Amino acid sequence: MSASEVLGAALGQAARRAGIDPAESATTGHVVWASMGGFRGILESVLPGLVFIVVYTVTIDPASGEGDLWLSLGLSVAVAAVFTLARLIARQPVTAAVGGLVAAVVAAAFALLTGDAGNNFVPGFITNAVYGSALLVSALTGWSLIGLAAGFLLGEGTTWRRDRRKRRVYFWLAVAWAALFAARLAVQLPFYFAGDITALGTLKLVMGLPLFAPMLAVTWLAVRALHPRSAE
């Protein structure tokens, strides 16, 4: 297998594990809901960050203008740990929960080691920058990551690159996803440098799943439109 095929297979398998498979006859709403892990998945994704920002904001000392960093981070990590433990006890897949726990621990480490609550968001900035850059580069070089994943899922490998229409659609989908990650950085970084933790945390939540879900829906519909009879 070529490098592009290996990458496409890896991306496709990751998408399939997340419940995204254009070859299946599933509704758009079902696919988006499944990719977010349902109600529990949404809680696992949102609640740790929500707990951090609420506790930090409530404990802000008027004199110093800073909240209780240890308490807010400790409770955030504890919530993520509870979700992981609950899945282990129920013998359910723990990939998403463990991912959330690891992300919470890494973010907490950044903040605690520097003593700056704003650094709790640095791993997220790095993730957005890496994902956005990778998607943009893939689009500009003609090897859209969206196309590579869809090509594997639909069993056509990289032959989509010989179809001008598919190439164009996958190009713009990759650019759209890159724009989403770039928008997060453009909006949130000014609040990070200003030290406005409450606004930064709120924006992170607002620009998380509420933007991810419709973008995923558009991507799903576009790919299905390119392959209307794939299931048959």
C-alpha atoms as a PDB file:
ATOM      1  CA  MET A   1       0.000   0.000   0.000  1.00  0.00           C
ATOM      2  CA  SER A   2       1.142   3.519  -0.741  1.00  0.00           C
ATOM      3  CA  ALA A   3       1.484   6.139   1.986  1.00  0.00           C
ATOM      4  CA  SER A   4      -1.762   7.796   0.873  1.00  0.00           C
ATOM      5  CA  GLU A   5      -3.628   4.491   1.060  1.00  0.00           C
ATOM      6  CA  VAL A   6      -2.258   3.761   4.524  1.00  0.00           C
ATOM      7  CA  LEU A   7      -3.289   7.218   5.714  1.00  0.00           C
ATOM      8  CA  GLY A   8      -6.711   6.863   4.099  1.00  0.00           C
ATOM      9  CA  ALA A   9      -7.227   3.484   5.781  1.00  0.00           C
ATOM     10  CA  ALA A  10      -6.279   4.918   9.179  1.00  0.00           C
ATOM     11  CA  LEU A  11      -8.612   7.904   8.759  1.00  0.00           C
ATOM     12  CA  GLY A  12     -11.405   5.722   7.449  1.00  0.00           C
ATOM     13  CA  GLN A  13     -11.139   3.251  10.304  1.00  0.00           C
ATOM     14  CA  ALA A  14     -11.183   6.111  12.817  1.00  0.00           C
ATOM     15  CA  ALA A  15     -14.303   7.530  11.145  1.00  0.00           C
ATOM     16  CA  ARG A  16     -15.992   4.128  11.164  1.00  0.00           C
ATOM     17  CA  ARG A  17     -15.263   3.631  14.862  1.00  0.00           C
ATOM     18  CA  ALA A  18     -16.863   7.026  15.470  1.00  0.00           C
ATOM     19  CA  GLY A  19     -20.020   5.892  13.694  1.00  0.00           C
ATOM     20  CA  ILE A  20     -19.342   7.666  10.401  1.00  0.00           C
ATOM     21  CA  ASP A  21     -19.680   5.417   7.361  1.00  0.00           C
ATOM     22  CA  PRO A  22     -21.129   6.841   4.109  1.00  0.00           C
ATOM     23  CA  ALA A  23     -21.789   3.306   2.870  1.00  0.00           C
ATOM     24  CA  GLU A  24     -24.456   2.785   5.533  1.00  0.00           C
ATOM     25  CA  SER A  25     -28.086   3.755   5.041  1.00  0.00           C
ATOM     26  CA  ALA A  26     -28.285   5.981   8.103  1.00  0.00           C
ATOM     27  CA  THR A  27     -29.950   9.351   8.526  1.00  0.00           C
ATOM     28  CA  THR A  28     -27.827  12.443   8.936  1.00  0.00           C
ATOM     29  CA  GLY A  29     -29.131  13.008  12.446  1.00  0.00           C
ATOM     30  CA  HIS A  30     -28.266   9.446  13.452  1.00  0.00           C
ATOM     31  CA  VAL A  31     -24.720   9.765  12.122  1.00  0.00           C
ATOM     32  CA  VAL A  32     -24.072  13.081  13.872  1.00  0.00           C
ATOM     33  CA  TRP A  33     -25.571  11.805  17.133  1.00  0.00           C
ATOM     34  CA  ALA A  34     -23.542   8.578  16.964  1.00  0.00           C
ATOM     35  CA  SER A  35     -20.293  10.401  16.178  1.00  0.00           C
ATOM     36  CA  MET A  36     -20.759  12.520  19.302  1.00  0.00           C
ATOM     37  CA  GLY A  37     -21.330   9.387  21.387  1.00  0.00           C
ATOM     38  CA  GLY A  38     -24.965  10.120  22.126  1.00  0.00           C
ATOM     39  CA  PHE A  39     -26.068  11.879  25.294  1.00  0.00           C
ATOM     40  CA  ARG A  40     -23.295  10.321  27.385  1.00  0.00           C
ATOM     41  CA  GLY A  41     -20.638  11.236  24.846  1.00  0.00           C
ATOM     42  CA  ILE A  42     -21.799  14.836  24.839  1.00  0.00           C
ATOM     43  CA  LEU A  43     -21.621  14.968  28.627  1.00  0.00           C
ATOM     44  CA  GLU A  44     -18.137  13.424  28.600  1.00  0.00           C
ATOM     45  CA  SER A  45     -17.012  16.047  26.106  1.00  0.00           C
ATOM     46  CA  VAL A  46     -18.650  19.112  27.638  1.00  0.00           C
ATOM     47  CA  LEU A  47     -19.002  18.598  31.391  1.00  0.00           C
ATOM     48  CA  PRO A  48     -15.314  18.622  32.470  1.00  0.00           C
ATOM     49  CA  GLY A  49     -14.737  21.938  30.710  1.00  0.00           C
ATOM     50  CA  LEU A  50     -18.007  23.353  32.006  1.00  0.00           C
ATOM     51  CA  VAL A  51     -17.130  22.385  35.574  1.00  0.00           C
ATOM     52  CA  PHE A  52     -13.732  24.057  35.254  1.00  0.00           C
ATOM     53  CA  ILE A  53     -15.069  27.358  33.973  1.00  0.00           C
ATOM     54  CA  VAL A  54     -18.005  27.507  36.428  1.00  0.00           C
ATOM     55  CA  VAL A  55     -15.904  26.697  39.505  1.00  0.00           C
ATOM     56  CA  TYR A  56     -13.090  29.028  38.448  1.00  0.00           C
ATOM     57  CA  THR A  57     -15.533  31.891  37.811  1.00  0.00           C
ATOM     58  CA  VAL A  58     -17.442  31.376  41.079  1.00  0.00           C
ATOM     59  CA  THR A  59     -14.216  31.331  43.124  1.00  0.00           C
ATOM     60  CA  ILE A  60     -12.649  34.466  41.601  1.00  0.00           C
ATOM     61  CA  ASP A  61     -11.145  36.668  44.293  1.00  0.00           C
ATOM     62  CA  PRO A  62     -12.109  40.308  43.660  1.00  0.00           C
ATOM     63  CA  ALA A  63      -8.753  41.453  45.007  1.00  0.00           C
ATOM     64  CA  SER A  64      -6.560  39.316  42.751  1.00  0.00           C
ATOM     65  CA  GLY A  65      -9.037  38.723  39.937  1.00  0.00           C
ATOM     66  CA  GLU A  66      -8.124  35.035  39.931  1.00  0.00           C
ATOM     67  CA  GLY A  67     -10.139  31.938  40.772  1.00  0.00           C
ATOM     68  CA  ASP A  68      -9.195  28.787  42.663  1.00  0.00           C
ATOM     69  CA  LEU A  69      -7.066  27.022  40.072  1.00  0.00           C
ATOM     70  CA  TRP A  70      -6.471  23.822  42.036  1.00  0.00           C
ATOM     71  CA  LEU A  71     -10.132  23.332  42.900  1.00  0.00           C
ATOM     72  CA  SER A  72     -11.443  24.033  39.405  1.00  0.00           C
ATOM     73  CA  LEU A  73      -8.866  21.781  37.728  1.00  0.00           C
ATOM     74  CA  GLY A  74      -9.257  19.053  40.348  1.00  0.00           C
ATOM     75  CA  LEU A  75     -13.017  18.884  39.926  1.00  0.00           C
ATOM     76  CA  SER A  76     -12.710  18.957  36.125  1.00  0.00           C
ATOM     77  CA  VAL A  77     -10.316  15.991  36.118  1.00  0.00           C
ATOM     78  CA  ALA A  78     -12.473  14.204  38.719  1.00  0.00           C
ATOM     79  CA  VAL A  79     -15.547  14.471  36.480  1.00  0.00           C
ATOM     80  CA  ALA A  80     -13.616  13.017  33.534  1.00  0.00           C
ATOM     81  CA  ALA A  81     -12.339  10.205  35.783  1.00  0.00           C
ATOM     82  CA  VAL A  82     -15.869   9.390  36.965  1.00  0.00           C
ATOM     83  CA  PHE A  83     -17.055   9.016  33.353  1.00  0.00           C
ATOM     84  CA  THR A  84     -14.156   6.667  32.589  1.00  0.00           C
ATOM     85  CA  LEU A  85     -14.768   4.617  35.733  1.00  0.00           C
ATOM     86  CA  ALA A  86     -18.481   4.363  34.935  1.00  0.00           C
ATOM     87  CA  ARG A  87     -17.709   2.908  31.507  1.00  0.00           C
ATOM     88  CA  LEU A  88     -15.211   0.448  32.984  1.00  0.00           C
ATOM     89  CA  ILE A  89     -17.746  -0.762  35.531  1.00  0.00           C
ATOM     90  CA  ALA A  90     -20.409  -1.134  32.832  1.00  0.00           C
ATOM     91  CA  ARG A  91     -17.844  -2.860  30.557  1.00  0.00           C
ATOM     92  CA  GLN A  92     -18.509  -0.376  27.775  1.00  0.00           C
ATOM     93  CA  PRO A  93     -15.996   1.012  25.243  1.00  0.00           C
ATOM     94  CA  VAL A  94     -13.822   3.505  27.082  1.00  0.00           C
ATOM     95  CA  THR A  95     -11.918   5.082  24.195  1.00  0.00           C
ATOM     96  CA  ALA A  96     -13.818   8.389  24.204  1.00  0.00           C
ATOM     97  CA  ALA A  97     -13.921   8.629  27.997  1.00  0.00           C
ATOM     98  CA  VAL A  98     -10.212   7.833  28.359  1.00  0.00           C
ATOM     99  CA  GLY A  99      -9.447  10.384  25.648  1.00  0.00           C
ATOM    100  CA  GLY A 100     -11.391  12.996  27.580  1.00  0.00           C
ATOM    101  CA  LEU A 101      -9.621  12.073  30.811  1.00  0.00           C
ATOM    102  CA  VAL A 102      -6.177  12.262  29.215  1.00  0.00           C
ATOM    103  CA  ALA A 103      -7.048  15.625  27.641  1.00  0.00           C
ATOM    104  CA  ALA A 104      -8.250  16.967  31.001  1.00  0.00           C
ATOM    105  CA  VAL A 105      -5.098  15.764  32.788  1.00  0.00           C
ATOM    106  CA  VAL A 106      -2.753  17.206  30.152  1.00  0.00           C
ATOM    107  CA  ALA A 107      -4.582  20.547  30.173  1.00  0.00           C
ATOM    108  CA  ALA A 108      -4.496  20.630  33.971  1.00  0.00           C
ATOM    109  CA  ALA A 109      -0.769  19.888  33.942  1.00  0.00           C
ATOM    110  CA  PHE A 110      -0.129  22.831  31.620  1.00  0.00           C
ATOM    111  CA  ALA A 111      -2.028  25.160  33.932  1.00  0.00           C
ATOM    112  CA  LEU A 112      -0.600  23.871  37.207  1.00  0.00           C
ATOM    113  CA  LEU A 113       3.021  23.789  36.064  1.00  0.00           C
ATOM    114  CA  THR A 114       2.826  27.419  34.968  1.00  0.00           C
ATOM    115  CA  GLY A 115       0.375  28.648  37.601  1.00  0.00           C
ATOM    116  CA  ASP A 116      -1.677  30.265  34.829  1.00  0.00           C
ATOM    117  CA  ALA A 117      -5.308  29.156  34.409  1.00  0.00           C
ATOM    118  CA  GLY A 118      -5.251  30.277  30.784  1.00  0.00           C
ATOM    119  CA  ASN A 119      -2.720  27.589  29.951  1.00  0.00           C
ATOM    120  CA  ASN A 120      -5.439  25.015  30.575  1.00  0.00           C
ATOM    121  CA  PHE A 121      -6.534  25.875  27.029  1.00  0.00           C
ATOM    122  CA  VAL A 122      -3.114  25.626  25.369  1.00  0.00           C
ATOM    123  CA  PRO A 123      -3.442  21.923  24.386  1.00  0.00           C
ATOM    124  CA  GLY A 124      -6.692  22.803  22.652  1.00  0.00           C
ATOM    125  CA  PHE A 125      -4.994  25.599  20.722  1.00  0.00           C
ATOM    126  CA  ILE A 126      -2.249  23.215  19.625  1.00  0.00           C
ATOM    127  CA  THR A 127      -4.809  20.617  18.514  1.00  0.00           C
ATOM    128  CA  ASN A 128      -6.764  23.161  16.484  1.00  0.00           C
ATOM    129  CA  ALA A 129      -3.600  24.480  14.854  1.00  0.00           C
ATOM    130  CA  VAL A 130      -2.365  20.992  13.922  1.00  0.00           C
ATOM    131  CA  TYR A 131      -5.715  19.768  12.595  1.00  0.00           C
ATOM    132  CA  GLY A 132      -6.390  22.973  10.688  1.00  0.00           C
ATOM    133  CA  SER A 133      -2.937  23.056   9.124  1.00  0.00           C
ATOM    134  CA  ALA A 134      -3.064  19.381   8.135  1.00  0.00           C
ATOM    135  CA  LEU A 135      -6.467  19.787   6.481  1.00  0.00           C
ATOM    136  CA  LEU A 136      -5.467  22.946   4.642  1.00  0.00           C
ATOM    137  CA  VAL A 137      -2.199  21.469   3.372  1.00  0.00           C
ATOM    138  CA  SER A 138      -3.990  18.306   2.269  1.00  0.00           C
ATOM    139  CA  ALA A 139      -6.498  20.375   0.285  1.00  0.00           C
ATOM    140  CA  LEU A 140      -3.876  22.568  -1.375  1.00  0.00           C
ATOM    141  CA  THR A 141      -1.766  19.569  -2.378  1.00  0.00           C
ATOM    142  CA  GLY A 142      -4.748  17.739  -3.897  1.00  0.00           C
ATOM    143  CA  TRP A 143      -4.796  14.988  -1.256  1.00  0.00           C
ATOM    144  CA  SER A 144      -7.767  16.067   0.839  1.00  0.00           C
ATOM    145  CA  LEU A 145      -7.884  14.167   4.114  1.00  0.00           C
ATOM    146  CA  ILE A 146     -11.673  14.059   3.775  1.00  0.00           C
ATOM    147  CA  GLY A 147     -11.282  12.425   0.373  1.00  0.00           C
ATOM    148  CA  LEU A 148      -8.745   9.895   1.663  1.00  0.00           C
ATOM    149  CA  ALA A 149     -11.061   8.829   4.488  1.00  0.00           C
ATOM    150  CA  ALA A 150     -14.144   8.666   2.247  1.00  0.00           C
ATOM    151  CA  GLY A 151     -12.205   6.785  -0.421  1.00  0.00           C
ATOM    152  CA  PHE A 152     -11.334   4.059   2.067  1.00  0.00           C
ATOM    153  CA  LEU A 153     -14.864   3.860   3.497  1.00  0.00           C
ATOM    154  CA  LEU A 154     -16.408   3.581   0.039  1.00  0.00           C
ATOM    155  CA  GLY A 155     -13.872   1.113  -1.291  1.00  0.00           C
ATOM    156  CA  GLU A 156     -12.505   3.341  -4.051  1.00  0.00           C
ATOM    157  CA  GLY A 157      -9.099   4.083  -2.565  1.00  0.00           C
ATOM    158  CA  THR A 158      -7.602   7.145  -4.218  1.00  0.00           C
ATOM    159  CA  THR A 159      -9.419   6.806  -7.561  1.00  0.00           C
ATOM    160  CA  TRP A 160     -11.586   9.793  -6.556  1.00  0.00           C
ATOM    161  CA  ARG A 161      -8.642  12.007  -7.545  1.00  0.00           C
ATOM    162  CA  ARG A 162      -9.373  11.203 -11.211  1.00  0.00           C
ATOM    163  CA  ASP A 163     -12.890  12.613 -10.865  1.00  0.00           C
ATOM    164  CA  ARG A 164     -12.901  16.426 -11.120  1.00  0.00           C
ATOM    165  CA  ARG A 165     -16.222  16.803  -9.272  1.00  0.00           C
ATOM    166  CA  LYS A 166     -15.161  14.651  -6.341  1.00  0.00           C
ATOM    167  CA  ARG A 167     -11.785  16.348  -6.174  1.00  0.00           C
ATOM    168  CA  ARG A 168     -13.465  19.746  -6.009  1.00  0.00           C
ATOM    169  CA  VAL A 169     -15.954  18.705  -3.306  1.00  0.00           C
ATOM    170  CA  TYR A 170     -13.282  17.088  -1.134  1.00  0.00           C
ATOM    171  CA  PHE A 171     -11.080  20.150  -1.583  1.00  0.00           C
ATOM    172  CA  TRP A 172     -13.758  22.504  -0.263  1.00  0.00           C
ATOM    173  CA  LEU A 173     -14.739  20.180   2.568  1.00  0.00           C
ATOM    174  CA  ALA A 174     -11.141  20.085   3.777  1.00  0.00           C
ATOM    175  CA  VAL A 175     -10.915  23.881   3.469  1.00  0.00           C
ATOM    176  CA  ALA A 176     -14.173  24.275   5.419  1.00  0.00           C
ATOM    177  CA  TRP A 177     -12.898  22.111   8.267  1.00  0.00           C
ATOM    178  CA  ALA A 178      -9.591  23.991   8.272  1.00  0.00           C
ATOM    179  CA  ALA A 179     -11.554  27.252   8.470  1.00  0.00           C
ATOM    180  CA  LEU A 180     -13.455  25.950  11.490  1.00  0.00           C
ATOM    181  CA  PHE A 181     -10.239  25.214  13.383  1.00  0.00           C
ATOM    182  CA  ALA A 182      -8.772  28.551  12.303  1.00  0.00           C
ATOM    183  CA  ALA A 183     -11.906  30.391  13.473  1.00  0.00           C
ATOM    184  CA  ARG A 184     -11.576  28.857  16.919  1.00  0.00           C
ATOM    185  CA  LEU A 185      -8.028  30.154  17.188  1.00  0.00           C
ATOM    186  CA  ALA A 186      -8.878  33.580  15.784  1.00  0.00           C
ATOM    187  CA  VAL A 187     -11.733  34.104  18.239  1.00  0.00           C
ATOM    188  CA  GLN A 188     -10.273  32.503  21.357  1.00  0.00           C
ATOM    189  CA  LEU A 189      -6.616  33.560  21.307  1.00  0.00           C
ATOM    190  CA  PRO A 190      -7.329  37.266  21.984  1.00  0.00           C
ATOM    191  CA  PHE A 191      -9.154  36.309  25.198  1.00  0.00           C
ATOM    192  CA  TYR A 192      -6.275  34.005  26.158  1.00  0.00           C
ATOM    193  CA  PHE A 193      -3.747  36.838  25.824  1.00  0.00           C
ATOM    194  CA  ALA A 194      -6.124  39.166  27.659  1.00  0.00           C
ATOM    195  CA  GLY A 195      -6.371  36.677  30.537  1.00  0.00           C
ATOM    196  CA  ASP A 196     -10.182  36.547  30.381  1.00  0.00           C
ATOM    197  CA  ILE A 197     -10.643  32.940  31.518  1.00  0.00           C
ATOM    198  CA  THR A 198     -14.433  33.067  31.838  1.00  0.00           C
ATOM    199  CA  ALA A 199     -14.957  34.352  28.297  1.00  0.00           C
ATOM    200  CA  LEU A 200     -12.320  31.970  26.920  1.00  0.00           C
ATOM    201  CA  GLY A 201     -13.899  28.928  28.554  1.00  0.00           C
ATOM    202  CA  THR A 202     -17.360  29.924  27.411  1.00  0.00           C
ATOM    203  CA  LEU A 203     -16.208  30.424  23.831  1.00  0.00           C
ATOM    204  CA  LYS A 204     -14.464  27.069  23.823  1.00  0.00           C
ATOM    205  CA  LEU A 205     -17.729  25.360  24.745  1.00  0.00           C
ATOM    206  CA  VAL A 206     -19.781  27.382  22.264  1.00  0.00           C
ATOM    207  CA  MET A 207     -17.335  26.737  19.417  1.00  0.00           C
ATOM    208  CA  GLY A 208     -17.036  23.050  20.240  1.00  0.00           C
ATOM    209  CA  LEU A 209     -19.906  20.646  19.564  1.00  0.00           C
ATOM    210  CA  PRO A 210     -22.335  23.378  18.389  1.00  0.00           C
ATOM    211  CA  LEU A 211     -20.033  24.005  15.396  1.00  0.00           C
ATOM    212  CA  PHE A 212     -18.758  20.444  15.018  1.00  0.00           C
ATOM    213  CA  ALA A 213     -22.223  18.910  14.600  1.00  0.00           C
ATOM    214  CA  PRO A 214     -23.452  21.012  11.636  1.00  0.00           C
ATOM    215  CA  MET A 215     -20.054  20.774   9.918  1.00  0.00           C
ATOM    216  CA  LEU A 216     -20.170  16.993  10.240  1.00  0.00           C
ATOM    217  CA  ALA A 217     -23.729  16.965   8.877  1.00  0.00           C
ATOM    218  CA  VAL A 218     -22.693  18.989   5.827  1.00  0.00           C
ATOM    219  CA  THR A 219     -19.702  16.695   5.230  1.00  0.00           C
ATOM    220  CA  TRP A 220     -21.864  13.581   5.503  1.00  0.00           C
ATOM    221  CA  LEU A 221     -24.474  14.945   3.087  1.00  0.00           C
ATOM    222  CA  ALA A 222     -21.832  16.046   0.577  1.00  0.00           C
ATOM    223  CA  VAL A 223     -20.100  12.664   0.565  1.00  0.00           C
ATOM    224  CA  ARG A 224     -23.401  10.807   0.241  1.00  0.00           C
ATOM    225  CA  ALA A 225     -24.364  13.071  -2.661  1.00  0.00           C
ATOM    226  CA  LEU A 226     -21.175  12.036  -4.470  1.00  0.00           C
ATOM    227  CA  HIS A 227     -22.012   8.363  -3.948  1.00  0.00           C
ATOM    228  CA  PRO A 228     -25.838   8.135  -3.983  1.00  0.00           C
ATOM    229  CA  ARG A 229     -25.913   4.365  -4.601  1.00  0.00           C
ATOM    230  CA  SER A 230     -22.942   3.210  -2.559  1.00  0.00           C
ATOM    231  CA  ALA A 231     -24.993   1.020  -0.210  1.00  0.00           C
ATOM    232  CA  GLU A 232     -26.498  -0.943  -3.119  1.00  0.00           C
END
